[in-house]
Protein backbone atom coordinates (compact mmCIF):
# COMPACT_ATOMS: atom_id res chain seq x y z
CA UNK A 1 35.49 14.80 2.98
CA UNK A 2 32.58 16.70 3.54
CA UNK A 3 31.57 19.78 1.63
CA UNK A 4 29.84 22.69 3.36
CA UNK A 5 27.45 24.87 1.03
CA UNK A 6 25.70 27.55 3.04
CA UNK A 7 22.44 28.06 2.95
CA UNK A 8 21.56 24.66 2.74
CA UNK A 9 19.18 23.21 5.00
CA UNK A 10 20.30 20.26 7.20
CA UNK A 11 18.00 16.79 6.70
CA UNK A 12 16.38 15.45 8.83
CA UNK A 13 14.48 12.31 8.29
CA UNK A 14 11.50 11.96 10.28
CA UNK A 15 9.85 8.62 11.44
CA UNK A 16 6.48 7.82 8.84
CA UNK A 17 2.76 8.62 10.35
CA UNK A 18 1.35 5.40 11.17
CA UNK A 19 4.72 3.52 12.26
CA UNK A 20 6.87 0.81 10.71
CA UNK A 21 6.63 -0.79 7.11
CA UNK A 22 8.85 -3.89 7.62
CA UNK A 23 9.80 -5.35 4.58
CA UNK A 24 8.79 -9.38 3.41
CA UNK A 25 11.43 -10.62 3.16
CA UNK A 26 9.70 -13.73 3.22
CA UNK A 27 7.17 -13.38 0.16
CA UNK A 28 4.41 -14.27 2.31
CA UNK A 29 2.40 -11.18 0.28
CA UNK A 30 3.83 -11.31 -2.52
CA UNK A 31 1.37 -12.81 -5.14
CA UNK A 32 -0.66 -10.02 -4.14
CA UNK A 33 1.90 -6.94 -5.04
CA UNK A 34 2.61 -8.60 -8.43
CA UNK A 35 -1.00 -8.23 -9.03
CA UNK A 36 -1.19 -4.17 -7.96
CA UNK A 37 2.40 -4.63 -9.83
CA UNK A 38 0.46 -6.16 -12.77
CA UNK A 39 -3.01 -3.70 -12.86
CA UNK A 40 -1.39 -1.23 -12.53
CA UNK A 41 1.56 -1.97 -15.41
CA UNK A 42 -1.57 -2.59 -17.64
CA UNK A 43 -3.50 0.42 -16.21
CA UNK A 44 -1.28 3.01 -17.69
CA UNK A 45 -0.01 3.77 -13.62
CA UNK A 46 -3.80 4.64 -13.12
CA UNK A 47 -4.20 3.01 -9.49
CA UNK A 48 -7.86 4.16 -9.26
CA UNK A 49 -8.25 1.22 -11.27
CA UNK A 50 -6.26 -1.49 -9.31
CA UNK A 51 -8.12 -0.82 -5.98
CA UNK A 52 -9.35 -3.80 -5.26
CA UNK A 53 -5.48 -5.05 -5.50
CA UNK A 54 -4.72 -2.63 -3.13
CA UNK A 55 -7.11 -3.97 -0.79
CA UNK A 56 -6.25 -7.65 -0.69
CA UNK A 57 -2.75 -6.44 -0.61
CA UNK A 58 -2.57 -3.97 2.51
CA UNK A 59 -5.31 -6.96 4.13
CA UNK A 60 -2.33 -9.54 3.50
CA UNK A 61 -0.12 -7.45 5.21
CA UNK A 62 -2.25 -7.15 7.95
CA UNK A 63 -3.08 -10.68 8.64
CA UNK A 64 1.05 -11.27 8.24
CA UNK A 65 1.37 -8.41 11.20
CA UNK A 66 3.91 -6.83 7.91
CA UNK A 67 1.96 -3.32 9.13
CA UNK A 68 -0.73 -2.65 11.93
CA UNK A 69 -4.36 -3.52 12.03
CA UNK A 70 -7.14 -1.00 10.56
CA UNK A 71 -9.98 0.07 9.44
CA UNK A 72 -10.58 0.52 5.66
CA UNK A 73 -12.13 4.11 5.94
CA UNK A 74 -8.36 5.74 7.15
CA UNK A 75 -6.51 3.54 4.50
CA UNK A 76 -9.18 5.66 2.02
CA UNK A 77 -11.60 2.24 1.72
CA UNK A 78 -15.48 2.29 1.68
CA UNK A 79 -18.11 0.07 3.09
CA UNK A 80 -19.65 0.57 -1.13
CA UNK A 81 -16.62 -0.66 -2.39
CA UNK A 82 -16.76 -4.18 -0.61
CA UNK A 83 -21.02 -4.22 -2.06
CA UNK A 84 -20.08 -3.36 -5.60
CA UNK A 85 -17.53 -5.58 -5.46
CA UNK A 86 -18.95 -8.90 -4.06
CA UNK A 87 -21.66 -8.18 -5.90
CA UNK A 88 -19.51 -7.81 -9.32
CA UNK A 89 -17.51 -11.42 -8.15
CA UNK A 90 -20.89 -12.88 -7.37
CA UNK A 91 -22.34 -12.15 -11.09
């Protein structure tokens, strides 16, 4: 039985802006996802401290066709972040 409430708006689902985001059933990017989730946990849910892990995860999804390939700038990442991360890893 359904209950009808007057004044309630009907929910109309809409598709995501960037298309589908399929589940990773085969676990192709599980390692990157776990690293990101651990980083979030260790940094009191401060996602800005885990930008590199987020980028690694999204990169894995793009490489494995689990999402469409996008420019990093469209995903909120900049070229200067790449330079900073490369400098850190070279030290």
